[in-house]
Amino acid sequence: MEIPNGIFYLFPILKDEDMGKIENELSETMRGVKFDSLIVEKVIVGTINYRKFDNLYSDQYLRLIKRKSIQPKQRIRYQ
């Protein structure tokens, strides 16, 4: 899955049916969103690392500029 930004939820699952209930509740709240599940069976120690992608460099942003004929924002020059 390639997305510049996303949401990462952590839920404790104590019973097998808990995961299905949580996915159903989220699906009703955020219609049209696809969820991928991952079950972690061991204790997580530390922090969750993620990479924040500058959306101004994404293909989605470039297509949006062409489709809407809007002025692009100035990109940051990373060194």
C-alpha atoms as a PDB file:
ATOM      1  CA  MET A   1       0.000   0.000   0.000  1.00  0.00           C
ATOM      2  CA  GLU A   2       1.448   3.378  -0.984  1.00  0.00           C
ATOM      3  CA  ILE A   3       0.043   6.356   0.867  1.00  0.00           C
ATOM      4  CA  PRO A   4       1.828   9.542   1.936  1.00  0.00           C
ATOM      5  CA  ASN A   5      -0.080   9.733   5.210  1.00  0.00           C
ATOM      6  CA  GLY A   6      -2.042   7.202   7.202  1.00  0.00           C
ATOM      7  CA  ILE A   7      -3.453   6.380  10.587  1.00  0.00           C
ATOM      8  CA  PHE A   8      -2.085   3.715  12.882  1.00  0.00           C
ATOM      9  CA  TYR A   9      -4.409   2.352  15.578  1.00  0.00           C
ATOM     10  CA  LEU A  10      -3.422   0.097  18.468  1.00  0.00           C
ATOM     11  CA  PHE A  11      -6.168  -1.863  20.214  1.00  0.00           C
ATOM     12  CA  PRO A  12      -5.908  -4.571  22.852  1.00  0.00           C
ATOM     13  CA  ILE A  13      -7.584  -7.745  21.578  1.00  0.00           C
ATOM     14  CA  LEU A  14      -8.497 -10.030  24.452  1.00  0.00           C
ATOM     15  CA  LYS A  15     -10.996 -12.305  22.642  1.00  0.00           C
ATOM     16  CA  ASP A  16     -11.079 -13.512  19.036  1.00  0.00           C
ATOM     17  CA  GLU A  17     -14.305 -11.640  18.252  1.00  0.00           C
ATOM     18  CA  ASP A  18     -12.936  -8.302  19.553  1.00  0.00           C
ATOM     19  CA  MET A  19     -11.007  -7.582  16.345  1.00  0.00           C
ATOM     20  CA  GLY A  20     -14.084  -8.046  14.160  1.00  0.00           C
ATOM     21  CA  LYS A  21     -16.146  -5.764  16.408  1.00  0.00           C
ATOM     22  CA  ILE A  22     -13.511  -3.020  16.305  1.00  0.00           C
ATOM     23  CA  GLU A  23     -13.168  -3.244  12.493  1.00  0.00           C
ATOM     24  CA  ASN A  24     -16.967  -3.043  12.105  1.00  0.00           C
ATOM     25  CA  GLU A  25     -17.200   0.015  14.372  1.00  0.00           C
ATOM     26  CA  LEU A  26     -14.404   1.791  12.490  1.00  0.00           C
ATOM     27  CA  SER A  27     -15.928   0.864   9.113  1.00  0.00           C
ATOM     28  CA  GLU A  28     -19.247   2.424  10.136  1.00  0.00           C
ATOM     29  CA  THR A  29     -17.514   5.581  11.381  1.00  0.00           C
ATOM     30  CA  MET A  30     -15.157   6.003   8.398  1.00  0.00           C
ATOM     31  CA  ARG A  31     -17.041   4.753   5.354  1.00  0.00           C
ATOM     32  CA  GLY A  32     -14.994   3.863   2.287  1.00  0.00           C
ATOM     33  CA  VAL A  33     -11.765   3.276   4.227  1.00  0.00           C
ATOM     34  CA  LYS A  34      -9.980  -0.064   3.863  1.00  0.00           C
ATOM     35  CA  PHE A  35      -8.405  -1.555   6.986  1.00  0.00           C
ATOM     36  CA  ASP A  36      -5.466  -3.929   7.214  1.00  0.00           C
ATOM     37  CA  SER A  37      -5.009  -5.807  10.485  1.00  0.00           C
ATOM     38  CA  LEU A  38      -1.863  -7.053  12.130  1.00  0.00           C
ATOM     39  CA  ILE A  39      -1.860  -9.130  15.300  1.00  0.00           C
ATOM     40  CA  VAL A  40       1.134  -8.627  17.586  1.00  0.00           C
ATOM     41  CA  GLU A  41       1.513 -11.481  20.045  1.00  0.00           C
ATOM     42  CA  LYS A  42       4.449 -10.203  22.070  1.00  0.00           C
ATOM     43  CA  VAL A  43       5.001  -7.104  24.154  1.00  0.00           C
ATOM     44  CA  ILE A  44       6.174  -4.063  22.209  1.00  0.00           C
ATOM     45  CA  VAL A  45       8.924  -2.123  23.958  1.00  0.00           C
ATOM     46  CA  GLY A  46      10.052   1.276  22.718  1.00  0.00           C
ATOM     47  CA  THR A  47       8.474   3.731  20.324  1.00  0.00           C
ATOM     48  CA  ILE A  48       6.773   3.280  16.978  1.00  0.00           C
ATOM     49  CA  ASN A  49       9.013   4.544  14.191  1.00  0.00           C
ATOM     50  CA  TYR A  50       7.527   5.891  10.989  1.00  0.00           C
ATOM     51  CA  ARG A  51       8.697   7.962   8.085  1.00  0.00           C
ATOM     52  CA  LYS A  52       6.754  11.115   7.259  1.00  0.00           C
ATOM     53  CA  PHE A  53       6.678  11.623   3.506  1.00  0.00           C
ATOM     54  CA  ASP A  54       6.481  15.110   2.016  1.00  0.00           C
ATOM     55  CA  ASN A  55       3.252  14.947   0.007  1.00  0.00           C
ATOM     56  CA  LEU A  56       4.463  17.660  -2.389  1.00  0.00           C
ATOM     57  CA  TYR A  57       6.674  14.983  -3.995  1.00  0.00           C
ATOM     58  CA  SER A  58       3.942  12.346  -4.371  1.00  0.00           C
ATOM     59  CA  ASP A  59       2.400  11.188  -7.643  1.00  0.00           C
ATOM     60  CA  GLN A  60      -1.051  11.878  -6.168  1.00  0.00           C
ATOM     61  CA  TYR A  61      -0.159  15.542  -5.631  1.00  0.00           C
ATOM     62  CA  LEU A  62       1.212  15.927  -9.163  1.00  0.00           C
ATOM     63  CA  ARG A  63      -1.950  14.369 -10.630  1.00  0.00           C
ATOM     64  CA  LEU A  64      -4.119  16.658  -8.498  1.00  0.00           C
ATOM     65  CA  ILE A  65      -2.295  19.742  -9.853  1.00  0.00           C
ATOM     66  CA  LYS A  66      -2.819  18.593 -13.442  1.00  0.00           C
ATOM     67  CA  ARG A  67      -6.450  17.599 -12.947  1.00  0.00           C
ATOM     68  CA  LYS A  68      -7.517  20.748 -11.064  1.00  0.00           C
ATOM     69  CA  SER A  69      -5.169  23.132 -12.931  1.00  0.00           C
ATOM     70  CA  ILE A  70      -4.017  24.687  -9.680  1.00  0.00           C
ATOM     71  CA  GLN A  71      -0.780  26.446  -8.852  1.00  0.00           C
ATOM     72  CA  PRO A  72       1.610  24.000  -7.137  1.00  0.00           C
ATOM     73  CA  LYS A  73       3.049  24.849  -3.732  1.00  0.00           C
ATOM     74  CA  GLN A  74       6.772  25.427  -3.503  1.00  0.00           C
ATOM     75  CA  ARG A  75       8.651  22.287  -2.556  1.00  0.00           C
ATOM     76  CA  ILE A  76      11.185  22.190   0.257  1.00  0.00           C
ATOM     77  CA  ARG A  77      14.719  21.505  -0.935  1.00  0.00           C
ATOM     78  CA  TYR A  78      15.992  18.769   1.364  1.00  0.00           C
ATOM     79  CA  GLN A  79      19.745  18.379   1.621  1.00  0.00           C
END
